[in-house]
Amino acid sequence: MLLLKVFQFTNKKFNPIGERQLLHISNLGDYKRFDLTCKSLENIDAILHVGTQRIHRPIGLCHADWLGLDYIFNLLGSIDNSDTQFNSWVAENCDFYIHTAGMDAQATTILENCIRGLIPLVTPESGFASPHAIYLTDDPSDNRKIIEWALSLSESELLKRSQLLRAQVIREHNWEGIYQKIWDRIVSDMELRKHTYPTSDYRLSPFP
């Protein structure tokens, strides 16, 4: 599986309560609602690391004026998923991946960071469904309560969620499974059309 080959380093421990860190990676498009991410973290005692190519500032602690409000986070710059040093750093330092999009068919970065071992703090609209993820809302005040609760979870609980999330992504988001689902849908559609239009000649054969 490509994700496993790229992300060789996996989070096998979590920072102590009070020292936990969050990661966000995206193009910061409007639909990612990065302003909601930042509002949800106001007065939360946790570092937010942001990987993006959109903010053209020096790497490091960043005071950013986002939609008229000032936010502080650690800017990582553009991310290269094939960089083993970066992947090692994430596994060593980060505990949660936060993603508050208002729409996303499936944010690939959520899958990538589940493989890295991080716990996703995500909105339902971010496109990732799992009983082991922690879900946020459209309300920053409610989100702060959820995030504070998540940050106080025991390491054993986080490790359990991490392992179950990683197993789910490996099981459900692999090319073999995706190919089979697409092929089954195509066959089903062709069979339906054959019965609907009996004069048509549909010959089914698997992809080469």
N, C-alpha and C. Protein backbone atom coordinates (compact mmCIF):
# COMPACT_ATOMS: atom_id res chain seq x y z
N MET A 1 0.84 -1.19 0.00
CA MET A 1 0.00 0.00 0.00
C MET A 1 0.88 1.24 0.00
N LEU A 2 0.57 2.21 -0.88
CA LEU A 2 1.42 3.38 -1.06
C LEU A 2 1.58 4.17 0.23
N LEU A 3 0.48 4.38 0.98
CA LEU A 3 0.56 5.16 2.20
C LEU A 3 1.56 4.56 3.18
N LEU A 4 1.58 3.24 3.29
CA LEU A 4 2.49 2.59 4.22
C LEU A 4 3.93 2.73 3.79
N LYS A 5 4.18 2.70 2.46
CA LYS A 5 5.54 2.84 1.96
C LYS A 5 6.06 4.25 2.18
N VAL A 6 5.17 5.25 2.00
CA VAL A 6 5.59 6.65 2.14
C VAL A 6 5.77 7.02 3.61
N PHE A 7 4.79 6.63 4.45
CA PHE A 7 4.83 7.02 5.85
C PHE A 7 5.41 5.89 6.69
N GLN A 8 6.73 5.82 6.72
CA GLN A 8 7.40 4.75 7.43
C GLN A 8 7.35 4.93 8.94
N PHE A 9 7.17 6.18 9.37
CA PHE A 9 7.21 6.49 10.80
C PHE A 9 5.80 6.64 11.34
N THR A 10 5.50 5.96 12.42
CA THR A 10 4.17 5.99 13.01
C THR A 10 4.26 6.38 14.47
N ASN A 11 3.33 7.23 14.89
CA ASN A 11 3.28 7.68 16.27
C ASN A 11 2.98 6.50 17.19
N LYS A 12 3.92 6.14 18.04
CA LYS A 12 3.73 5.02 18.96
C LYS A 12 3.61 5.47 20.41
N LYS A 13 3.63 6.79 20.61
CA LYS A 13 3.43 7.33 21.95
C LYS A 13 2.84 8.73 21.80
N PHE A 14 2.25 9.23 22.86
CA PHE A 14 1.65 10.55 22.83
C PHE A 14 2.29 11.43 23.88
N ASN A 15 2.32 12.72 23.58
CA ASN A 15 2.88 13.67 24.54
C ASN A 15 2.04 13.68 25.81
N PRO A 16 2.65 14.04 26.93
CA PRO A 16 1.90 14.11 28.19
C PRO A 16 0.79 15.15 28.10
N ILE A 17 -0.24 14.97 28.90
CA ILE A 17 -1.32 15.96 28.98
C ILE A 17 -0.71 17.31 29.35
N GLY A 18 -1.10 18.34 28.63
CA GLY A 18 -0.54 19.68 28.83
C GLY A 18 0.57 20.01 27.86
N GLU A 19 1.05 19.00 27.10
CA GLU A 19 2.13 19.23 26.14
C GLU A 19 1.76 18.72 24.74
N ARG A 20 0.49 18.46 24.51
CA ARG A 20 0.07 17.86 23.24
C ARG A 20 0.01 18.89 22.12
N GLN A 21 0.25 18.40 20.89
CA GLN A 21 0.39 19.28 19.74
C GLN A 21 -0.52 18.84 18.60
N LEU A 22 -0.97 19.83 17.81
CA LEU A 22 -1.88 19.58 16.71
C LEU A 22 -1.24 19.95 15.38
N LEU A 23 -1.72 19.30 14.33
CA LEU A 23 -1.21 19.53 12.98
C LEU A 23 -2.36 19.79 12.03
N HIS A 24 -2.16 20.73 11.11
CA HIS A 24 -3.11 20.94 10.01
C HIS A 24 -2.31 21.13 8.73
N ILE A 25 -2.73 20.44 7.67
CA ILE A 25 -2.07 20.56 6.37
C ILE A 25 -3.14 20.79 5.31
N SER A 26 -3.05 21.88 4.56
CA SER A 26 -4.00 22.11 3.47
C SER A 26 -3.56 23.31 2.65
N ASN A 27 -4.35 23.59 1.60
CA ASN A 27 -4.10 24.77 0.77
C ASN A 27 -4.77 26.00 1.36
N LEU A 28 -5.45 25.84 2.49
CA LEU A 28 -6.16 26.91 3.20
C LEU A 28 -7.22 27.58 2.32
N GLY A 29 -7.80 26.81 1.39
CA GLY A 29 -8.92 27.33 0.61
C GLY A 29 -10.08 27.68 1.54
N ASP A 30 -10.98 28.53 1.06
CA ASP A 30 -12.08 28.99 1.91
C ASP A 30 -12.87 27.83 2.51
N TYR A 31 -13.08 26.76 1.72
CA TYR A 31 -13.88 25.64 2.21
C TYR A 31 -13.20 24.85 3.31
N LYS A 32 -11.89 25.06 3.49
CA LYS A 32 -11.18 24.40 4.59
C LYS A 32 -11.51 25.05 5.95
N ARG A 33 -12.03 26.27 5.89
CA ARG A 33 -12.45 27.01 7.09
C ARG A 33 -11.36 27.04 8.16
N PHE A 34 -10.18 27.51 7.73
CA PHE A 34 -9.07 27.60 8.67
C PHE A 34 -9.38 28.60 9.79
N ASP A 35 -10.24 29.57 9.50
CA ASP A 35 -10.64 30.52 10.55
C ASP A 35 -11.38 29.79 11.67
N LEU A 36 -12.20 28.79 11.32
CA LEU A 36 -12.89 28.00 12.34
C LEU A 36 -11.90 27.18 13.15
N THR A 37 -10.87 26.65 12.47
CA THR A 37 -9.81 25.92 13.18
C THR A 37 -9.18 26.82 14.25
N CYS A 38 -8.81 28.02 13.83
CA CYS A 38 -8.13 28.93 14.75
C CYS A 38 -9.05 29.40 15.87
N LYS A 39 -10.29 29.74 15.53
CA LYS A 39 -11.25 30.16 16.56
C LYS A 39 -11.49 29.04 17.57
N SER A 40 -11.51 27.82 17.08
CA SER A 40 -11.76 26.67 17.95
C SER A 40 -10.60 26.41 18.91
N LEU A 41 -9.43 26.98 18.60
CA LEU A 41 -8.24 26.76 19.43
C LEU A 41 -7.89 27.95 20.30
N GLU A 42 -8.73 29.00 20.28
CA GLU A 42 -8.48 30.17 21.11
C GLU A 42 -8.45 29.77 22.58
N ASN A 43 -7.40 30.20 23.27
CA ASN A 43 -7.21 29.92 24.71
C ASN A 43 -7.00 28.44 25.01
N ILE A 44 -6.72 27.64 23.98
CA ILE A 44 -6.37 26.23 24.18
C ILE A 44 -4.86 26.13 24.32
N ASP A 45 -4.40 25.47 25.36
CA ASP A 45 -2.96 25.36 25.62
C ASP A 45 -2.37 24.21 24.82
N ALA A 46 -2.22 24.43 23.51
CA ALA A 46 -1.64 23.42 22.63
C ALA A 46 -1.07 24.12 21.39
N ILE A 47 0.04 23.63 20.91
CA ILE A 47 0.66 24.21 19.71
C ILE A 47 -0.04 23.69 18.46
N LEU A 48 -0.33 24.60 17.53
CA LEU A 48 -0.87 24.22 16.22
C LEU A 48 0.24 24.40 15.18
N HIS A 49 0.58 23.32 14.48
CA HIS A 49 1.53 23.36 13.39
C HIS A 49 0.74 23.39 12.08
N VAL A 50 1.12 24.26 11.15
CA VAL A 50 0.37 24.41 9.89
C VAL A 50 1.30 24.22 8.70
N GLY A 51 0.98 23.22 7.89
CA GLY A 51 1.71 23.00 6.65
C GLY A 51 0.91 23.50 5.47
N THR A 52 1.43 24.48 4.77
CA THR A 52 0.73 25.04 3.61
C THR A 52 1.71 25.79 2.73
N GLN A 53 1.40 25.84 1.43
CA GLN A 53 2.19 26.61 0.50
C GLN A 53 1.61 28.01 0.29
N ARG A 54 0.47 28.27 0.94
CA ARG A 54 -0.25 29.51 0.67
C ARG A 54 0.28 30.71 1.44
N ILE A 55 0.84 30.48 2.62
CA ILE A 55 1.35 31.60 3.43
C ILE A 55 2.83 31.79 3.12
N HIS A 56 3.15 32.92 2.56
CA HIS A 56 4.54 33.20 2.16
C HIS A 56 5.25 34.01 3.23
N ARG A 57 5.62 33.31 4.28
CA ARG A 57 6.34 33.93 5.39
C ARG A 57 7.44 32.98 5.84
N PRO A 58 8.38 33.47 6.61
CA PRO A 58 9.44 32.58 7.11
C PRO A 58 8.87 31.45 7.95
N ILE A 59 9.51 30.30 7.87
CA ILE A 59 9.11 29.14 8.68
C ILE A 59 9.29 29.47 10.16
N GLY A 60 8.36 29.01 10.97
CA GLY A 60 8.45 29.23 12.41
C GLY A 60 7.20 29.89 12.95
N LEU A 61 7.29 30.41 14.17
CA LEU A 61 6.14 31.03 14.83
C LEU A 61 5.60 32.16 13.97
N CYS A 62 4.29 32.12 13.72
CA CYS A 62 3.68 33.03 12.76
C CYS A 62 2.47 33.72 13.38
N HIS A 63 2.46 35.05 13.29
CA HIS A 63 1.27 35.83 13.64
C HIS A 63 0.58 36.16 12.33
N ALA A 64 -0.56 35.55 12.09
CA ALA A 64 -1.23 35.72 10.80
C ALA A 64 -2.55 36.43 10.98
N ASP A 65 -2.78 37.44 10.14
CA ASP A 65 -4.07 38.11 10.09
C ASP A 65 -4.95 37.31 9.14
N TRP A 66 -5.89 36.57 9.72
CA TRP A 66 -6.75 35.70 8.91
C TRP A 66 -8.18 36.19 9.04
N LEU A 67 -8.73 36.73 7.94
CA LEU A 67 -10.09 37.27 7.91
C LEU A 67 -10.28 38.32 9.01
N GLY A 68 -9.26 39.16 9.18
CA GLY A 68 -9.36 40.26 10.11
C GLY A 68 -9.02 39.92 11.55
N LEU A 69 -8.68 38.69 11.82
CA LEU A 69 -8.34 38.28 13.18
C LEU A 69 -6.89 37.81 13.22
N ASP A 70 -6.25 38.00 14.36
CA ASP A 70 -4.85 37.64 14.51
C ASP A 70 -4.72 36.28 15.18
N TYR A 71 -3.99 35.37 14.52
CA TYR A 71 -3.79 34.03 15.06
C TYR A 71 -2.30 33.72 15.14
N ILE A 72 -1.95 32.87 16.09
CA ILE A 72 -0.56 32.46 16.26
C ILE A 72 -0.46 30.95 16.07
N PHE A 73 0.46 30.51 15.20
CA PHE A 73 0.70 29.09 15.01
C PHE A 73 2.11 28.91 14.48
N ASN A 74 2.57 27.66 14.44
CA ASN A 74 3.90 27.36 13.93
C ASN A 74 3.79 27.01 12.45
N LEU A 75 4.33 27.85 11.60
CA LEU A 75 4.24 27.65 10.15
C LEU A 75 5.32 26.68 9.70
N LEU A 76 4.91 25.61 9.01
CA LEU A 76 5.85 24.61 8.50
C LEU A 76 6.20 24.84 7.04
N GLY A 77 5.40 25.64 6.34
CA GLY A 77 5.61 25.85 4.90
C GLY A 77 5.03 24.70 4.09
N SER A 78 5.50 24.57 2.86
CA SER A 78 5.01 23.52 1.98
C SER A 78 5.50 22.15 2.46
N ILE A 79 4.63 21.14 2.34
CA ILE A 79 4.94 19.81 2.87
C ILE A 79 5.27 18.84 1.74
N ASP A 80 6.31 18.04 1.96
CA ASP A 80 6.68 16.97 1.03
C ASP A 80 6.47 15.64 1.75
N ASN A 81 5.44 14.89 1.35
CA ASN A 81 5.12 13.64 2.02
C ASN A 81 6.19 12.56 1.87
N SER A 82 7.09 12.74 0.90
CA SER A 82 8.16 11.75 0.70
C SER A 82 9.38 12.07 1.56
N ASP A 83 9.32 13.17 2.30
CA ASP A 83 10.43 13.59 3.15
C ASP A 83 10.42 12.78 4.45
N THR A 84 11.34 11.84 4.59
CA THR A 84 11.36 10.98 5.77
C THR A 84 11.63 11.78 7.05
N GLN A 85 12.39 12.87 6.91
CA GLN A 85 12.68 13.69 8.09
C GLN A 85 11.39 14.34 8.60
N PHE A 86 10.56 14.81 7.68
CA PHE A 86 9.29 15.42 8.09
C PHE A 86 8.37 14.38 8.73
N ASN A 87 8.26 13.21 8.10
CA ASN A 87 7.39 12.17 8.64
C ASN A 87 7.85 11.71 10.02
N SER A 88 9.15 11.63 10.22
CA SER A 88 9.70 11.28 11.52
C SER A 88 9.36 12.35 12.55
N TRP A 89 9.46 13.61 12.13
CA TRP A 89 9.16 14.73 13.03
C TRP A 89 7.70 14.71 13.47
N VAL A 90 6.77 14.46 12.51
CA VAL A 90 5.35 14.39 12.84
C VAL A 90 5.09 13.28 13.86
N ALA A 91 5.62 12.10 13.59
CA ALA A 91 5.41 10.96 14.48
C ALA A 91 5.98 11.22 15.88
N GLU A 92 7.04 11.99 15.95
CA GLU A 92 7.70 12.25 17.22
C GLU A 92 7.00 13.36 18.02
N ASN A 93 6.40 14.34 17.32
CA ASN A 93 5.92 15.54 18.00
C ASN A 93 4.42 15.75 18.03
N CYS A 94 3.70 15.29 17.01
CA CYS A 94 2.28 15.63 16.89
C CYS A 94 1.37 14.53 17.45
N ASP A 95 0.23 14.95 17.97
CA ASP A 95 -0.72 14.01 18.58
C ASP A 95 -2.06 13.97 17.83
N PHE A 96 -2.52 15.13 17.34
CA PHE A 96 -3.82 15.23 16.69
C PHE A 96 -3.68 15.91 15.33
N TYR A 97 -4.55 15.51 14.42
CA TYR A 97 -4.67 16.20 13.14
C TYR A 97 -6.04 16.89 13.12
N ILE A 98 -6.06 18.22 12.92
CA ILE A 98 -7.32 18.96 12.97
C ILE A 98 -7.70 19.45 11.57
N HIS A 99 -8.98 19.28 11.24
CA HIS A 99 -9.47 19.60 9.89
C HIS A 99 -10.94 20.00 10.01
N THR A 100 -11.25 21.27 9.80
CA THR A 100 -12.62 21.77 10.03
C THR A 100 -13.29 22.22 8.74
N ALA A 101 -13.07 21.50 7.66
CA ALA A 101 -13.63 21.87 6.37
C ALA A 101 -15.15 21.89 6.40
N GLY A 102 -15.72 22.73 5.54
CA GLY A 102 -17.17 22.79 5.39
C GLY A 102 -17.65 21.87 4.30
N MET A 103 -16.72 21.38 3.49
CA MET A 103 -17.03 20.41 2.44
C MET A 103 -15.73 19.76 1.99
N ASP A 104 -15.76 18.47 1.78
CA ASP A 104 -14.60 17.72 1.30
C ASP A 104 -15.09 16.33 0.95
N ALA A 105 -14.88 15.90 -0.28
CA ALA A 105 -15.31 14.54 -0.64
C ALA A 105 -14.56 13.53 0.22
N GLN A 106 -13.28 13.75 0.40
CA GLN A 106 -12.44 12.95 1.29
C GLN A 106 -11.09 13.63 1.37
N ALA A 107 -10.82 14.26 2.48
CA ALA A 107 -9.54 14.95 2.64
C ALA A 107 -8.42 13.92 2.78
N THR A 108 -7.58 13.83 1.77
CA THR A 108 -6.50 12.84 1.77
C THR A 108 -5.58 13.02 2.97
N THR A 109 -5.40 14.27 3.39
CA THR A 109 -4.51 14.52 4.52
C THR A 109 -5.00 13.85 5.80
N ILE A 110 -6.32 13.66 5.93
CA ILE A 110 -6.83 12.95 7.11
C ILE A 110 -6.36 11.51 7.09
N LEU A 111 -6.48 10.86 5.92
CA LEU A 111 -6.02 9.48 5.79
C LEU A 111 -4.52 9.38 6.07
N GLU A 112 -3.77 10.31 5.49
CA GLU A 112 -2.31 10.28 5.65
C GLU A 112 -1.92 10.38 7.12
N ASN A 113 -2.60 11.24 7.85
CA ASN A 113 -2.22 11.44 9.24
C ASN A 113 -2.78 10.37 10.17
N CYS A 114 -3.84 9.67 9.74
CA CYS A 114 -4.25 8.46 10.47
C CYS A 114 -3.17 7.39 10.35
N ILE A 115 -2.58 7.27 9.15
CA ILE A 115 -1.49 6.33 8.95
C ILE A 115 -0.28 6.73 9.78
N ARG A 116 -0.06 8.01 9.94
CA ARG A 116 1.04 8.48 10.78
C ARG A 116 0.77 8.21 12.26
N GLY A 117 -0.48 7.90 12.60
CA GLY A 117 -0.82 7.58 13.98
C GLY A 117 -1.50 8.70 14.74
N LEU A 118 -1.79 9.82 14.07
CA LEU A 118 -2.43 10.94 14.74
C LEU A 118 -3.94 10.69 14.88
N ILE A 119 -4.55 11.34 15.86
CA ILE A 119 -5.99 11.25 16.08
C ILE A 119 -6.66 12.40 15.34
N PRO A 120 -7.62 12.13 14.44
CA PRO A 120 -8.26 13.22 13.71
C PRO A 120 -9.33 13.94 14.52
N LEU A 121 -9.21 15.25 14.60
CA LEU A 121 -10.26 16.13 15.11
C LEU A 121 -10.89 16.77 13.88
N VAL A 122 -12.05 16.30 13.47
CA VAL A 122 -12.58 16.68 12.16
C VAL A 122 -14.07 17.00 12.21
N THR A 123 -14.53 17.79 11.27
CA THR A 123 -15.96 18.00 11.08
C THR A 123 -16.51 16.86 10.23
N PRO A 124 -17.79 16.53 10.35
CA PRO A 124 -18.38 15.51 9.49
C PRO A 124 -18.22 15.84 8.01
N GLU A 125 -18.24 17.14 7.70
CA GLU A 125 -18.13 17.58 6.31
C GLU A 125 -16.74 17.37 5.72
N SER A 126 -15.77 17.02 6.57
CA SER A 126 -14.42 16.77 6.08
C SER A 126 -14.32 15.48 5.29
N GLY A 127 -15.34 14.65 5.34
CA GLY A 127 -15.42 13.48 4.48
C GLY A 127 -14.85 12.19 5.05
N PHE A 128 -14.47 12.20 6.32
CA PHE A 128 -13.91 10.98 6.92
C PHE A 128 -14.86 10.45 7.97
N ALA A 129 -15.26 9.20 7.82
CA ALA A 129 -16.20 8.59 8.76
C ALA A 129 -15.51 7.48 9.53
N SER A 130 -15.51 7.60 10.85
CA SER A 130 -14.92 6.57 11.69
C SER A 130 -15.43 6.72 13.11
N PRO A 131 -15.75 5.59 13.77
CA PRO A 131 -16.16 5.67 15.18
C PRO A 131 -15.00 6.03 16.10
N HIS A 132 -13.79 6.03 15.58
CA HIS A 132 -12.61 6.29 16.39
C HIS A 132 -12.08 7.72 16.24
N ALA A 133 -12.64 8.47 15.27
CA ALA A 133 -12.27 9.88 15.11
C ALA A 133 -13.03 10.70 16.16
N ILE A 134 -12.61 11.94 16.35
CA ILE A 134 -13.29 12.85 17.27
C ILE A 134 -13.87 13.98 16.42
N TYR A 135 -15.19 14.18 16.53
CA TYR A 135 -15.88 15.09 15.62
C TYR A 135 -16.12 16.46 16.24
N LEU A 136 -15.85 17.48 15.42
CA LEU A 136 -16.06 18.87 15.78
C LEU A 136 -17.35 19.37 15.12
N THR A 137 -17.71 20.60 15.45
CA THR A 137 -18.95 21.20 14.95
C THR A 137 -18.64 22.50 14.22
N ASP A 138 -19.69 23.26 13.90
CA ASP A 138 -19.51 24.57 13.28
C ASP A 138 -19.39 25.67 14.33
N ASP A 139 -19.47 25.31 15.60
CA ASP A 139 -19.46 26.28 16.69
C ASP A 139 -18.11 26.25 17.41
N PRO A 140 -17.34 27.33 17.33
CA PRO A 140 -16.02 27.35 17.98
C PRO A 140 -16.08 27.08 19.48
N SER A 141 -17.13 27.59 20.14
CA SER A 141 -17.24 27.39 21.60
C SER A 141 -17.41 25.91 21.93
N ASP A 142 -18.29 25.25 21.18
CA ASP A 142 -18.47 23.81 21.39
C ASP A 142 -17.19 23.06 21.06
N ASN A 143 -16.51 23.50 20.02
CA ASN A 143 -15.27 22.83 19.61
C ASN A 143 -14.20 22.93 20.69
N ARG A 144 -14.12 24.08 21.34
CA ARG A 144 -13.11 24.23 22.38
C ARG A 144 -13.33 23.22 23.50
N LYS A 145 -14.59 22.97 23.84
CA LYS A 145 -14.89 21.98 24.88
C LYS A 145 -14.49 20.58 24.41
N ILE A 146 -14.78 20.27 23.16
CA ILE A 146 -14.43 18.96 22.61
C ILE A 146 -12.92 18.78 22.57
N ILE A 147 -12.22 19.83 22.13
CA ILE A 147 -10.76 19.76 22.00
C ILE A 147 -10.11 19.63 23.38
N GLU A 148 -10.60 20.40 24.35
CA GLU A 148 -10.06 20.30 25.71
C GLU A 148 -10.24 18.88 26.26
N TRP A 149 -11.41 18.28 25.97
CA TRP A 149 -11.65 16.91 26.40
C TRP A 149 -10.68 15.95 25.72
N ALA A 150 -10.50 16.13 24.41
CA ALA A 150 -9.59 15.25 23.65
C ALA A 150 -8.16 15.37 24.16
N LEU A 151 -7.73 16.58 24.45
CA LEU A 151 -6.37 16.81 24.91
C LEU A 151 -6.11 16.19 26.29
N SER A 152 -7.19 15.91 27.02
CA SER A 152 -7.04 15.35 28.37
C SER A 152 -7.21 13.83 28.41
N LEU A 153 -7.44 13.21 27.24
CA LEU A 153 -7.60 11.75 27.21
C LEU A 153 -6.31 11.04 27.60
N SER A 154 -6.44 9.88 28.19
CA SER A 154 -5.26 9.13 28.60
C SER A 154 -4.49 8.63 27.37
N GLU A 155 -3.20 8.36 27.57
CA GLU A 155 -2.40 7.86 26.46
C GLU A 155 -2.91 6.51 25.99
N SER A 156 -3.39 5.68 26.89
CA SER A 156 -3.89 4.36 26.49
C SER A 156 -5.11 4.50 25.58
N GLU A 157 -5.99 5.45 25.87
CA GLU A 157 -7.16 5.69 25.02
C GLU A 157 -6.73 6.19 23.64
N LEU A 158 -5.76 7.11 23.61
CA LEU A 158 -5.29 7.65 22.33
C LEU A 158 -4.59 6.57 21.52
N LEU A 159 -3.80 5.74 22.16
CA LEU A 159 -3.11 4.66 21.45
C LEU A 159 -4.12 3.67 20.85
N LYS A 160 -5.18 3.37 21.60
CA LYS A 160 -6.21 2.47 21.10
C LYS A 160 -6.88 3.05 19.87
N ARG A 161 -7.27 4.33 19.96
CA ARG A 161 -7.90 4.99 18.81
C ARG A 161 -6.94 5.03 17.62
N SER A 162 -5.69 5.34 17.88
CA SER A 162 -4.68 5.43 16.82
C SER A 162 -4.55 4.11 16.08
N GLN A 163 -4.46 3.03 16.81
CA GLN A 163 -4.30 1.71 16.19
C GLN A 163 -5.53 1.31 15.38
N LEU A 164 -6.73 1.60 15.91
CA LEU A 164 -7.96 1.27 15.20
C LEU A 164 -8.14 2.12 13.95
N LEU A 165 -7.76 3.38 14.03
CA LEU A 165 -7.84 4.27 12.87
C LEU A 165 -6.89 3.83 11.77
N ARG A 166 -5.68 3.51 12.15
CA ARG A 166 -4.70 3.05 11.17
C ARG A 166 -5.18 1.77 10.48
N ALA A 167 -5.71 0.84 11.27
CA ALA A 167 -6.21 -0.41 10.70
C ALA A 167 -7.38 -0.15 9.75
N GLN A 168 -8.25 0.79 10.11
CA GLN A 168 -9.40 1.10 9.25
C GLN A 168 -8.95 1.67 7.92
N VAL A 169 -8.00 2.59 7.95
CA VAL A 169 -7.53 3.20 6.70
C VAL A 169 -6.86 2.16 5.81
N ILE A 170 -6.06 1.28 6.41
CA ILE A 170 -5.40 0.22 5.64
C ILE A 170 -6.45 -0.71 5.02
N ARG A 171 -7.48 -1.01 5.78
CA ARG A 171 -8.51 -1.95 5.33
C ARG A 171 -9.43 -1.35 4.27
N GLU A 172 -9.82 -0.11 4.45
CA GLU A 172 -10.86 0.48 3.60
C GLU A 172 -10.36 1.41 2.52
N HIS A 173 -9.14 1.89 2.64
CA HIS A 173 -8.64 2.87 1.68
C HIS A 173 -7.38 2.33 0.99
N ASN A 174 -7.54 1.20 0.30
CA ASN A 174 -6.44 0.63 -0.47
C ASN A 174 -6.90 0.47 -1.91
N TRP A 175 -5.96 0.42 -2.83
CA TRP A 175 -6.30 0.42 -4.26
C TRP A 175 -7.08 -0.82 -4.66
N GLU A 176 -6.78 -1.97 -4.03
CA GLU A 176 -7.50 -3.19 -4.38
C GLU A 176 -8.98 -3.06 -4.05
N GLY A 177 -9.26 -2.55 -2.85
CA GLY A 177 -10.65 -2.38 -2.44
C GLY A 177 -11.38 -1.34 -3.26
N ILE A 178 -10.69 -0.23 -3.54
CA ILE A 178 -11.29 0.84 -4.33
C ILE A 178 -11.58 0.35 -5.74
N TYR A 179 -10.62 -0.36 -6.34
CA TYR A 179 -10.80 -0.92 -7.69
C TYR A 179 -12.02 -1.84 -7.71
N GLN A 180 -12.14 -2.73 -6.71
CA GLN A 180 -13.23 -3.69 -6.70
C GLN A 180 -14.58 -3.00 -6.57
N LYS A 181 -14.65 -1.96 -5.73
CA LYS A 181 -15.91 -1.23 -5.56
C LYS A 181 -16.32 -0.56 -6.88
N ILE A 182 -15.34 0.04 -7.57
CA ILE A 182 -15.63 0.70 -8.85
C ILE A 182 -16.08 -0.32 -9.88
N TRP A 183 -15.35 -1.45 -9.95
CA TRP A 183 -15.69 -2.49 -10.94
C TRP A 183 -17.07 -3.08 -10.66
N ASP A 184 -17.39 -3.34 -9.39
CA ASP A 184 -18.71 -3.87 -9.04
C ASP A 184 -19.81 -2.90 -9.45
N ARG A 185 -19.56 -1.61 -9.27
CA ARG A 185 -20.56 -0.60 -9.65
C ARG A 185 -20.74 -0.57 -11.17
N ILE A 186 -19.65 -0.69 -11.91
CA ILE A 186 -19.74 -0.69 -13.37
C ILE A 186 -20.52 -1.90 -13.86
N VAL A 187 -20.20 -3.07 -13.32
CA VAL A 187 -20.90 -4.30 -13.72
C VAL A 187 -22.39 -4.20 -13.41
N SER A 188 -22.71 -3.69 -12.21
CA SER A 188 -24.10 -3.54 -11.82
C SER A 188 -24.84 -2.60 -12.78
N ASP A 189 -24.18 -1.50 -13.13
CA ASP A 189 -24.80 -0.54 -14.04
C ASP A 189 -25.00 -1.15 -15.43
N MET A 190 -24.03 -1.89 -15.91
CA MET A 190 -24.14 -2.51 -17.23
C MET A 190 -25.24 -3.56 -17.26
N GLU A 191 -25.36 -4.33 -16.19
CA GLU A 191 -26.42 -5.33 -16.11
C GLU A 191 -27.79 -4.66 -16.12
N LEU A 192 -27.91 -3.56 -15.39
CA LEU A 192 -29.17 -2.83 -15.34
C LEU A 192 -29.54 -2.31 -16.73
N ARG A 193 -28.55 -1.75 -17.42
CA ARG A 193 -28.80 -1.23 -18.76
C ARG A 193 -29.16 -2.35 -19.73
N LYS A 194 -28.55 -3.51 -19.56
CA LYS A 194 -28.82 -4.63 -20.45
C LYS A 194 -30.28 -5.07 -20.33
N HIS A 195 -30.80 -5.06 -19.10
CA HIS A 195 -32.18 -5.46 -18.89
C HIS A 195 -33.15 -4.35 -19.29
N THR A 196 -32.69 -3.11 -19.17
CA THR A 196 -33.54 -1.98 -19.53
C THR A 196 -33.64 -1.84 -21.03
N TYR A 197 -32.49 -2.07 -21.72
CA TYR A 197 -32.44 -1.98 -23.18
C TYR A 197 -31.98 -3.33 -23.72
N PRO A 198 -32.88 -4.31 -23.83
CA PRO A 198 -32.48 -5.70 -24.18
C PRO A 198 -31.87 -5.85 -25.55
N THR A 199 -32.04 -4.89 -26.43
CA THR A 199 -31.47 -5.02 -27.77
C THR A 199 -29.98 -4.67 -27.76
N SER A 200 -29.53 -4.04 -26.71
CA SER A 200 -28.13 -3.65 -26.65
C SER A 200 -27.27 -4.86 -26.36
N ASP A 201 -26.07 -4.88 -26.91
CA ASP A 201 -25.17 -6.01 -26.72
C ASP A 201 -24.04 -5.59 -25.79
N TYR A 202 -24.18 -5.91 -24.49
CA TYR A 202 -23.15 -5.58 -23.51
C TYR A 202 -22.36 -6.83 -23.18
N ARG A 203 -21.08 -6.79 -23.47
CA ARG A 203 -20.21 -7.92 -23.12
C ARG A 203 -19.34 -7.48 -21.95
N LEU A 204 -19.44 -8.23 -20.87
CA LEU A 204 -18.71 -7.87 -19.67
C LEU A 204 -17.37 -8.55 -19.65
N SER A 205 -16.35 -7.82 -19.37
CA SER A 205 -15.02 -8.40 -19.20
C SER A 205 -14.27 -7.55 -18.20
N PRO A 206 -13.43 -8.15 -17.38
CA PRO A 206 -12.69 -7.38 -16.39
C PRO A 206 -11.67 -6.47 -17.07
N PHE A 207 -11.24 -5.48 -16.29
CA PHE A 207 -10.19 -4.59 -16.82
C PHE A 207 -8.92 -5.40 -17.05
N PRO A 208 -8.15 -5.02 -18.06
CA PRO A 208 -6.88 -5.75 -18.29
C PRO A 208 -5.94 -5.61 -17.11
